[in-house]
Amino acid sequence: FRQRIKYDKIKSVKLVTNFLSSMAMTKDRIEIKV
C-alpha cells in the first residue's frame, strides 16, 4: 500500500494514540486530514 498526500491538500494534523486500522504499525500516530 502506498499513499501520497500533497502538502497543499492537508487540512489538519495532530498527535493521536489509538489502535484504529490504518497504515501505521504503532499506536502512537500522527493523524492527517485532507
PDB file of all heavy atoms in Angstrom:
ATOM      1  N   PHE A   1       0.831  -1.205   0.000  1.00  0.00           N
ATOM      2  CA  PHE A   1       0.000   0.000   0.000  1.00  0.00           C
ATOM      3  C   PHE A   1       0.866   1.255   0.000  1.00  0.00           C
ATOM      4  O   PHE A   1       1.811   1.362   0.770  1.00  0.00           O
ATOM      5  CB  PHE A   1      -0.928   0.015   1.213  1.00  0.00           C
ATOM      6  CG  PHE A   1      -1.837  -1.169   1.269  1.00  0.00           C
ATOM      7  CD1 PHE A   1      -1.578  -2.221   2.123  1.00  0.00           C
ATOM      8  CD2 PHE A   1      -2.954  -1.240   0.438  1.00  0.00           C
ATOM      9  CE1 PHE A   1      -2.406  -3.330   2.162  1.00  0.00           C
ATOM     10  CE2 PHE A   1      -3.791  -2.338   0.472  1.00  0.00           C
ATOM     11  CZ  PHE A   1      -3.511  -3.388   1.336  1.00  0.00           C
ATOM     12  N   ARG A   2       0.485   2.210  -0.861  1.00  0.00           N
ATOM     13  CA  ARG A   2       1.210   3.473  -0.962  1.00  0.00           C
ATOM     14  C   ARG A   2       0.204   4.619  -0.991  1.00  0.00           C
ATOM     15  O   ARG A   2      -0.886   4.475  -1.538  1.00  0.00           O
ATOM     16  CB  ARG A   2       2.044   3.505  -2.229  1.00  0.00           C
ATOM     17  CG  ARG A   2       3.179   2.522  -2.197  1.00  0.00           C
ATOM     18  CD  ARG A   2       3.861   2.456  -3.544  1.00  0.00           C
ATOM     19  NE  ARG A   2       5.014   1.592  -3.507  1.00  0.00           N
ATOM     20  CZ  ARG A   2       4.980   0.269  -3.579  1.00  0.00           C
ATOM     21  NH1 ARG A   2       3.828  -0.341  -3.699  1.00  0.00           N
ATOM     22  NH2 ARG A   2       6.074  -0.439  -3.540  1.00  0.00           N
ATOM     23  N   GLN A   3       0.618   5.747  -0.391  1.00  0.00           N
ATOM     24  CA  GLN A   3      -0.247   6.929  -0.426  1.00  0.00           C
ATOM     25  C   GLN A   3       0.628   8.162  -0.525  1.00  0.00           C
ATOM     26  O   GLN A   3       1.675   8.258   0.119  1.00  0.00           O
ATOM     27  CB  GLN A   3      -1.116   6.993   0.831  1.00  0.00           C
ATOM     28  CG  GLN A   3      -2.092   8.142   0.811  1.00  0.00           C
ATOM     29  CD  GLN A   3      -3.036   8.122   2.004  1.00  0.00           C
ATOM     30  OE1 GLN A   3      -2.842   7.412   2.974  1.00  0.00           O
ATOM     31  NE2 GLN A   3      -4.072   8.931   1.914  1.00  0.00           N
ATOM     32  N   ARG A   4       0.181   9.103  -1.336  1.00  0.00           N
ATOM     33  CA  ARG A   4       0.857  10.395  -1.474  1.00  0.00           C
ATOM     34  C   ARG A   4      -0.131  11.472  -1.047  1.00  0.00           C
ATOM     35  O   ARG A   4      -1.245  11.518  -1.554  1.00  0.00           O
ATOM     36  CB  ARG A   4       1.295  10.610  -2.910  1.00  0.00           C
ATOM     37  CG  ARG A   4       2.395   9.689  -3.348  1.00  0.00           C
ATOM     38  CD  ARG A   4       2.690   9.866  -4.837  1.00  0.00           C
ATOM     39  NE  ARG A   4       3.834   9.099  -5.243  1.00  0.00           N
ATOM     40  CZ  ARG A   4       3.815   7.811  -5.577  1.00  0.00           C
ATOM     41  NH1 ARG A   4       2.670   7.155  -5.558  1.00  0.00           N
ATOM     42  NH2 ARG A   4       4.913   7.195  -5.939  1.00  0.00           N
ATOM     43  N   ILE A   5       0.302  12.336  -0.138  1.00  0.00           N
ATOM     44  CA  ILE A   5      -0.562  13.410   0.353  1.00  0.00           C
ATOM     45  C   ILE A   5       0.142  14.730   0.073  1.00  0.00           C
ATOM     46  O   ILE A   5       1.191  15.017   0.654  1.00  0.00           O
ATOM     47  CB  ILE A   5      -0.829  13.269   1.869  1.00  0.00           C
ATOM     48  CG1 ILE A   5      -1.375  11.884   2.188  1.00  0.00           C
ATOM     49  CG2 ILE A   5      -1.774  14.360   2.337  1.00  0.00           C
ATOM     50  CD1 ILE A   5      -1.391  11.555   3.676  1.00  0.00           C
ATOM     51  N   LYS A   6      -0.416  15.516  -0.830  1.00  0.00           N
ATOM     52  CA  LYS A   6       0.170  16.820  -1.174  1.00  0.00           C
ATOM     53  C   LYS A   6       0.053  17.768   0.013  1.00  0.00           C
ATOM     54  O   LYS A   6      -0.979  17.807   0.681  1.00  0.00           O
ATOM     55  CB  LYS A   6      -0.551  17.430  -2.383  1.00  0.00           C
ATOM     56  CG  LYS A   6      -0.448  16.611  -3.631  1.00  0.00           C
ATOM     57  CD  LYS A   6       0.843  16.894  -4.325  1.00  0.00           C
ATOM     58  CE  LYS A   6       0.847  16.195  -5.684  1.00  0.00           C
ATOM     59  NZ  LYS A   6       2.135  16.321  -6.316  1.00  0.00           N
ATOM     60  N   TYR A   7       1.096  18.544   0.263  1.00  0.00           N
ATOM     61  CA  TYR A   7       1.105  19.474   1.400  1.00  0.00           C
ATOM     62  C   TYR A   7      -0.041  20.485   1.316  1.00  0.00           C
ATOM     63  O   TYR A   7      -0.644  20.812   2.331  1.00  0.00           O
ATOM     64  CB  TYR A   7       2.431  20.229   1.487  1.00  0.00           C
ATOM     65  CG  TYR A   7       3.614  19.346   1.774  1.00  0.00           C
ATOM     66  CD1 TYR A   7       4.795  19.487   1.061  1.00  0.00           C
ATOM     67  CD2 TYR A   7       3.573  18.384   2.769  1.00  0.00           C
ATOM     68  CE1 TYR A   7       5.897  18.693   1.331  1.00  0.00           C
ATOM     69  CE2 TYR A   7       4.664  17.579   3.043  1.00  0.00           C
ATOM     70  CZ  TYR A   7       5.824  17.746   2.312  1.00  0.00           C
ATOM     71  OH  TYR A   7       6.911  16.957   2.579  1.00  0.00           O
ATOM     72  N   ASP A   8      -0.340  20.962   0.118  1.00  0.00           N
ATOM     73  CA  ASP A   8      -1.396  21.976  -0.015  1.00  0.00           C
ATOM     74  C   ASP A   8      -2.798  21.406   0.169  1.00  0.00           C
ATOM     75  O   ASP A   8      -3.758  22.153   0.280  1.00  0.00           O
ATOM     76  CB  ASP A   8      -1.282  22.723  -1.335  1.00  0.00           C
ATOM     77  CG  ASP A   8      -1.425  21.831  -2.555  1.00  0.00           C
ATOM     78  OD1 ASP A   8      -1.421  20.583  -2.410  1.00  0.00           O
ATOM     79  OD2 ASP A   8      -1.539  22.370  -3.661  1.00  0.00           O
ATOM     80  N   LYS A   9      -2.947  20.095   0.230  1.00  0.00           N
ATOM     81  CA  LYS A   9      -4.241  19.446   0.468  1.00  0.00           C
ATOM     82  C   LYS A   9      -4.466  19.124   1.949  1.00  0.00           C
ATOM     83  O   LYS A   9      -5.565  18.727   2.328  1.00  0.00           O
ATOM     84  CB  LYS A   9      -4.356  18.146  -0.336  1.00  0.00           C
ATOM     85  CG  LYS A   9      -4.252  18.342  -1.826  1.00  0.00           C
ATOM     86  CD  LYS A   9      -5.471  19.017  -2.362  1.00  0.00           C
ATOM     87  CE  LYS A   9      -5.385  19.128  -3.875  1.00  0.00           C
ATOM     88  NZ  LYS A   9      -6.457  19.902  -4.430  1.00  0.00           N
ATOM     89  N   ILE A  10      -3.433  19.267   2.776  1.00  0.00           N
ATOM     90  CA  ILE A  10      -3.548  18.912   4.191  1.00  0.00           C
ATOM     91  C   ILE A  10      -4.339  19.974   4.934  1.00  0.00           C
ATOM     92  O   ILE A  10      -4.018  21.156   4.883  1.00  0.00           O
ATOM     93  CB  ILE A  10      -2.161  18.707   4.825  1.00  0.00           C
ATOM     94  CG1 ILE A  10      -1.478  17.504   4.170  1.00  0.00           C
ATOM     95  CG2 ILE A  10      -2.278  18.508   6.329  1.00  0.00           C
ATOM     96  CD1 ILE A  10      -0.066  17.244   4.639  1.00  0.00           C
ATOM     97  N   LYS A  11      -5.381  19.543   5.603  1.00  0.00           N
ATOM     98  CA  LYS A  11      -6.267  20.429   6.361  1.00  0.00           C
ATOM     99  C   LYS A  11      -5.810  20.564   7.808  1.00  0.00           C
ATOM    100  O   LYS A  11      -5.759  21.657   8.356  1.00  0.00           O
ATOM    101  CB  LYS A  11      -7.686  19.857   6.328  1.00  0.00           C
ATOM    102  CG  LYS A  11      -8.701  20.622   7.118  1.00  0.00           C
ATOM    103  CD  LYS A  11     -10.062  19.943   7.018  1.00  0.00           C
ATOM    104  CE  LYS A  11     -11.081  20.660   7.861  1.00  0.00           C
ATOM    105  NZ  LYS A  11     -12.387  20.004   7.768  1.00  0.00           N
ATOM    106  N   SER A  12      -5.496  19.431   8.461  1.00  0.00           N
ATOM    107  CA  SER A  12      -5.069  19.477   9.861  1.00  0.00           C
ATOM    108  C   SER A  12      -4.198  18.277  10.198  1.00  0.00           C
ATOM    109  O   SER A  12      -4.242  17.252   9.516  1.00  0.00           O
ATOM    110  CB  SER A  12      -6.285  19.510  10.799  1.00  0.00           C
ATOM    111  OG  SER A  12      -7.002  18.301  10.719  1.00  0.00           O
ATOM    112  N   VAL A  13      -3.411  18.434  11.247  1.00  0.00           N
ATOM    113  CA  VAL A  13      -2.576  17.355  11.776  1.00  0.00           C
ATOM    114  C   VAL A  13      -2.656  17.383  13.293  1.00  0.00           C
ATOM    115  O   VAL A  13      -2.858  18.439  13.888  1.00  0.00           O
ATOM    116  CB  VAL A  13      -1.097  17.472  11.334  1.00  0.00           C
ATOM    117  CG1 VAL A  13      -0.949  17.318   9.841  1.00  0.00           C
ATOM    118  CG2 VAL A  13      -0.484  18.766  11.798  1.00  0.00           C
ATOM    119  N   LYS A  14      -2.539  16.209  13.901  1.00  0.00           N
ATOM    120  CA  LYS A  14      -2.476  16.160  15.353  1.00  0.00           C
ATOM    121  C   LYS A  14      -1.884  14.823  15.790  1.00  0.00           C
ATOM    122  O   LYS A  14      -1.952  13.832  15.065  1.00  0.00           O
ATOM    123  CB  LYS A  14      -3.844  16.375  15.988  1.00  0.00           C
ATOM    124  CG  LYS A  14      -4.852  15.276  15.770  1.00  0.00           C
ATOM    125  CD  LYS A  14      -6.150  15.589  16.513  1.00  0.00           C
ATOM    126  CE  LYS A  14      -7.193  14.523  16.249  1.00  0.00           C
ATOM    127  NZ  LYS A  14      -8.423  14.762  16.990  1.00  0.00           N
ATOM    128  N   LEU A  15      -1.307  14.817  16.980  1.00  0.00           N
ATOM    129  CA  LEU A  15      -0.787  13.597  17.571  1.00  0.00           C
ATOM    130  C   LEU A  15      -1.953  12.817  18.157  1.00  0.00           C
ATOM    131  O   LEU A  15      -2.822  13.396  18.818  1.00  0.00           O
ATOM    132  CB  LEU A  15       0.224  13.917  18.679  1.00  0.00           C
ATOM    133  CG  LEU A  15       1.500  14.632  18.239  1.00  0.00           C
ATOM    134  CD1 LEU A  15       2.350  14.973  19.440  1.00  0.00           C
ATOM    135  CD2 LEU A  15       2.289  13.777  17.265  1.00  0.00           C
ATOM    136  N   VAL A  16      -2.003  11.523  17.909  1.00  0.00           N
ATOM    137  CA  VAL A  16      -3.065  10.673  18.454  1.00  0.00           C
ATOM    138  C   VAL A  16      -2.451   9.371  18.957  1.00  0.00           C
ATOM    139  O   VAL A  16      -1.352   8.981  18.547  1.00  0.00           O
ATOM    140  CB  VAL A  16      -4.166  10.363  17.411  1.00  0.00           C
ATOM    141  CG1 VAL A  16      -4.923  11.613  17.025  1.00  0.00           C
ATOM    142  CG2 VAL A  16      -3.613   9.686  16.185  1.00  0.00           C
ATOM    143  N   THR A  17      -3.181   8.725  19.839  1.00  0.00           N
ATOM    144  CA  THR A  17      -2.809   7.403  20.327  1.00  0.00           C
ATOM    145  C   THR A  17      -4.052   6.530  20.225  1.00  0.00           C
ATOM    146  O   THR A  17      -5.005   6.736  20.966  1.00  0.00           O
ATOM    147  CB  THR A  17      -2.342   7.470  21.792  1.00  0.00           C
ATOM    148  OG1 THR A  17      -1.260   8.390  21.875  1.00  0.00           O
ATOM    149  CG2 THR A  17      -1.885   6.111  22.282  1.00  0.00           C
ATOM    150  N   ASN A  18      -4.047   5.607  19.253  1.00  0.00           N
ATOM    151  CA  ASN A  18      -5.190   4.711  19.099  1.00  0.00           C
ATOM    152  C   ASN A  18      -4.773   3.472  18.318  1.00  0.00           C
ATOM    153  O   ASN A  18      -3.677   3.388  17.791  1.00  0.00           O
ATOM    154  CB  ASN A  18      -6.368   5.414  18.447  1.00  0.00           C
ATOM    155  CG  ASN A  18      -6.083   5.878  17.049  1.00  0.00           C
ATOM    156  OD1 ASN A  18      -5.318   5.268  16.321  1.00  0.00           O
ATOM    157  ND2 ASN A  18      -6.703   6.965  16.644  1.00  0.00           N
ATOM    158  N   PHE A  19      -5.681   2.523  18.244  1.00  0.00           N
ATOM    159  CA  PHE A  19      -5.421   1.276  17.535  1.00  0.00           C
ATOM    160  C   PHE A  19      -6.317   1.102  16.313  1.00  0.00           C
ATOM    161  O   PHE A  19      -6.523   0.000  15.851  1.00  0.00           O
ATOM    162  CB  PHE A  19      -5.641   0.085  18.485  1.00  0.00           C
ATOM    163  CG  PHE A  19      -4.589  -0.016  19.548  1.00  0.00           C
ATOM    164  CD1 PHE A  19      -4.869   0.366  20.844  1.00  0.00           C
ATOM    165  CD2 PHE A  19      -3.331  -0.498  19.254  1.00  0.00           C
ATOM    166  CE1 PHE A  19      -3.905   0.265  21.828  1.00  0.00           C
ATOM    167  CE2 PHE A  19      -2.360  -0.599  20.233  1.00  0.00           C
ATOM    168  CZ  PHE A  19      -2.652  -0.207  21.523  1.00  0.00           C
ATOM    169  N   LEU A  20      -6.878   2.205  15.799  1.00  0.00           N
ATOM    170  CA  LEU A  20      -7.719   2.110  14.610  1.00  0.00           C
ATOM    171  C   LEU A  20      -6.928   1.522  13.450  1.00  0.00           C
ATOM    172  O   LEU A  20      -5.728   1.724  13.335  1.00  0.00           O
ATOM    173  CB  LEU A  20      -8.245   3.486  14.215  1.00  0.00           C
ATOM    174  CG  LEU A  20      -9.227   4.148  15.165  1.00  0.00           C
ATOM    175  CD1 LEU A  20      -9.561   5.548  14.678  1.00  0.00           C
ATOM    176  CD2 LEU A  20     -10.485   3.322  15.305  1.00  0.00           C
ATOM    177  N   SER A  21      -7.616   0.840  12.589  1.00  0.00           N
ATOM    178  CA  SER A  21      -6.973   0.274  11.417  1.00  0.00           C
ATOM    179  C   SER A  21      -6.458   1.403  10.533  1.00  0.00           C
ATOM    180  O   SER A  21      -7.184   2.336  10.221  1.00  0.00           O
ATOM    181  CB  SER A  21      -7.982  -0.566  10.640  1.00  0.00           C
ATOM    182  OG  SER A  21      -7.390  -1.051   9.466  1.00  0.00           O
ATOM    183  N   SER A  22      -5.209   1.327  10.175  1.00  0.00           N
ATOM    184  CA  SER A  22      -4.615   2.350   9.323  1.00  0.00           C
ATOM    185  C   SER A  22      -3.281   1.870   8.808  1.00  0.00           C
ATOM    186  O   SER A  22      -2.881   0.732   9.041  1.00  0.00           O
ATOM    187  CB  SER A  22      -4.432   3.651  10.106  1.00  0.00           C
ATOM    188  OG  SER A  22      -3.390   3.493  11.031  1.00  0.00           O
ATOM    189  N   MET A  23      -2.563   2.774   8.149  1.00  0.00           N
ATOM    190  CA  MET A  23      -1.262   2.427   7.610  1.00  0.00           C
ATOM    191  C   MET A  23      -0.174   2.458   8.675  1.00  0.00           C
ATOM    192  O   MET A  23       0.959   2.107   8.397  1.00  0.00           O
ATOM    193  CB  MET A  23      -0.915   3.367   6.458  1.00  0.00           C
ATOM    194  CG  MET A  23      -1.843   3.199   5.280  1.00  0.00           C
ATOM    195  SD  MET A  23      -1.469   4.254   3.901  1.00  0.00           S
ATOM    196  CE  MET A  23      -0.035   3.445   3.236  1.00  0.00           C
ATOM    197  N   ALA A  24      -0.479   2.866   9.868  1.00  0.00           N
ATOM    198  CA  ALA A  24       0.516   2.934  10.938  1.00  0.00           C
ATOM    199  C   ALA A  24       0.624   1.593  11.646  1.00  0.00           C
ATOM    200  O   ALA A  24      -0.373   0.950  11.929  1.00  0.00           O
ATOM    201  CB  ALA A  24       0.145   4.015  11.940  1.00  0.00           C
ATOM    202  N   MET A  25       1.838   1.192  11.944  1.00  0.00           N
ATOM    203  CA  MET A  25       2.071  -0.077  12.628  1.00  0.00           C
ATOM    204  C   MET A  25       2.281   0.126  14.124  1.00  0.00           C
ATOM    205  O   MET A  25       2.781  -0.749  14.803  1.00  0.00           O
ATOM    206  CB  MET A  25       3.291  -0.775  12.013  1.00  0.00           C
ATOM    207  CG  MET A  25       3.137  -1.114  10.545  1.00  0.00           C
ATOM    208  SD  MET A  25       1.785  -2.236  10.214  1.00  0.00           S
ATOM    209  CE  MET A  25       2.420  -3.725  10.913  1.00  0.00           C
ATOM    210  N   THR A  26       1.935   1.273  14.644  1.00  0.00           N
ATOM    211  CA  THR A  26       2.102   1.600  16.042  1.00  0.00           C
ATOM    212  C   THR A  26       0.848   2.302  16.545  1.00  0.00           C
ATOM    213  O   THR A  26       0.052   2.792  15.765  1.00  0.00           O
ATOM    214  CB  THR A  26       3.343   2.494  16.249  1.00  0.00           C
ATOM    215  OG1 THR A  26       3.465   2.815  17.618  1.00  0.00           O
ATOM    216  CG2 THR A  26       3.244   3.776  15.443  1.00  0.00           C
ATOM    217  N   LYS A  27       0.680   2.375  17.859  1.00  0.00           N
ATOM    218  CA  LYS A  27      -0.473   3.089  18.411  1.00  0.00           C
ATOM    219  C   LYS A  27      -0.203   4.586  18.539  1.00  0.00           C
ATOM    220  O   LYS A  27      -1.124   5.374  18.635  1.00  0.00           O
ATOM    221  CB  LYS A  27      -0.890   2.497  19.755  1.00  0.00           C
ATOM    222  CG  LYS A  27       0.087   2.743  20.876  1.00  0.00           C
ATOM    223  CD  LYS A  27      -0.464   2.205  22.191  1.00  0.00           C
ATOM    224  CE  LYS A  27       0.480   2.458  23.332  1.00  0.00           C
ATOM    225  NZ  LYS A  27       0.688   3.849  23.653  1.00  0.00           N
ATOM    226  N   ASP A  28       1.051   5.000  18.558  1.00  0.00           N
ATOM    227  CA  ASP A  28       1.427   6.419  18.640  1.00  0.00           C
ATOM    228  C   ASP A  28       1.540   6.955  17.222  1.00  0.00           C
ATOM    229  O   ASP A  28       2.478   6.640  16.505  1.00  0.00           O
ATOM    230  CB  ASP A  28       2.741   6.591  19.390  1.00  0.00           C
ATOM    231  CG  ASP A  28       2.647   6.109  20.819  1.00  0.00           C
ATOM    232  OD1 ASP A  28       1.607   6.358  21.448  1.00  0.00           O
ATOM    233  OD2 ASP A  28       3.604   5.488  21.311  1.00  0.00           O
ATOM    234  N   ARG A  29       0.584   7.796  16.846  1.00  0.00           N
ATOM    235  CA  ARG A  29       0.454   8.181  15.445  1.00  0.00           C
ATOM    236  C   ARG A  29       0.279   9.678  15.252  1.00  0.00           C
ATOM    237  O   ARG A  29      -0.003  10.413  16.178  1.00  0.00           O
ATOM    238  CB  ARG A  29      -0.782   7.488  14.856  1.00  0.00           C
ATOM    239  CG  ARG A  29      -0.725   5.999  14.989  1.00  0.00           C
ATOM    240  CD  ARG A  29      -2.021   5.379  14.653  1.00  0.00           C
ATOM    241  NE  ARG A  29      -1.899   3.931  14.730  1.00  0.00           N
ATOM    242  CZ  ARG A  29      -2.813   3.101  14.328  1.00  0.00           C
ATOM    243  NH1 ARG A  29      -3.936   3.554  13.826  1.00  0.00           N
ATOM    244  NH2 ARG A  29      -2.627   1.811  14.421  1.00  0.00           N
ATOM    245  N   ILE A  30       0.388  10.052  14.000  1.00  0.00           N
ATOM    246  CA  ILE A  30       0.034  11.402  13.563  1.00  0.00           C
ATOM    247  C   ILE A  30      -1.193  11.238  12.672  1.00  0.00           C
ATOM    248  O   ILE A  30      -1.191  10.433  11.749  1.00  0.00           O
ATOM    249  CB  ILE A  30       1.175  12.062  12.773  1.00  0.00           C
ATOM    250  CG1 ILE A  30       2.395  12.256  13.662  1.00  0.00           C
ATOM    251  CG2 ILE A  30       0.713  13.395  12.177  1.00  0.00           C
ATOM    252  CD1 ILE A  30       3.626  12.747  12.923  1.00  0.00           C
ATOM    253  N   GLU A  31      -2.231  12.008  12.972  1.00  0.00           N
ATOM    254  CA  GLU A  31      -3.440  11.990  12.154  1.00  0.00           C
ATOM    255  C   GLU A  31      -3.374  13.150  11.172  1.00  0.00           C
ATOM    256  O   GLU A  31      -3.183  14.295  11.568  1.00  0.00           O
ATOM    257  CB  GLU A  31      -4.674  12.130  13.045  1.00  0.00           C
ATOM    258  CG  GLU A  31      -5.975  12.139  12.271  1.00  0.00           C
ATOM    259  CD  GLU A  31      -7.163  12.330  13.188  1.00  0.00           C
ATOM    260  OE1 GLU A  31      -7.506  13.505  13.443  1.00  0.00           O
ATOM    261  OE2 GLU A  31      -7.715  11.329  13.650  1.00  0.00           O
ATOM    262  N   ILE A  32      -3.531  12.841   9.894  1.00  0.00           N
ATOM    263  CA  ILE A  32      -3.530  13.851   8.831  1.00  0.00           C
ATOM    264  C   ILE A  32      -4.910  13.853   8.188  1.00  0.00           C
ATOM    265  O   ILE A  32      -5.381  12.814   7.727  1.00  0.00           O
ATOM    266  CB  ILE A  32      -2.466  13.549   7.761  1.00  0.00           C
ATOM    267  CG1 ILE A  32      -1.073  13.491   8.395  1.00  0.00           C
ATOM    268  CG2 ILE A  32      -2.525  14.581   6.640  1.00  0.00           C
ATOM    269  CD1 ILE A  32       0.011  13.033   7.433  1.00  0.00           C
ATOM    270  N   LYS A  33      -5.554  15.020   8.167  1.00  0.00           N
ATOM    271  CA  LYS A  33      -6.844  15.164   7.485  1.00  0.00           C
ATOM    272  C   LYS A  33      -6.642  16.016   6.242  1.00  0.00           C
ATOM    273  O   LYS A  33      -5.917  17.002   6.265  1.00  0.00           O
ATOM    274  CB  LYS A  33      -7.881  15.798   8.405  1.00  0.00           C
ATOM    275  CG  LYS A  33      -8.296  14.868   9.526  1.00  0.00           C
ATOM    276  CD  LYS A  33      -9.483  15.394  10.257  1.00  0.00           C
ATOM    277  CE  LYS A  33      -9.884  14.408  11.340  1.00  0.00           C
ATOM    278  NZ  LYS A  33     -11.041  14.865  12.082  1.00  0.00           N
ATOM    279  N   VAL A  34      -7.346  15.631   5.170  1.00  0.00           N
ATOM    280  CA  VAL A  34      -7.196  16.266   3.871  1.00  0.00           C
ATOM    281  C   VAL A  34      -8.451  17.055   3.534  1.00  0.00           C
ATOM    282  O   VAL A  34      -9.565  16.620   3.830  1.00  0.00           O
ATOM    283  CB  VAL A  34      -6.926  15.179   2.799  1.00  0.00           C
ATOM    284  CG1 VAL A  34      -6.809  15.787   1.422  1.00  0.00           C
ATOM    285  CG2 VAL A  34      -5.674  14.396   3.136  1.00  0.00           C
TER     286      VAL A  34
END
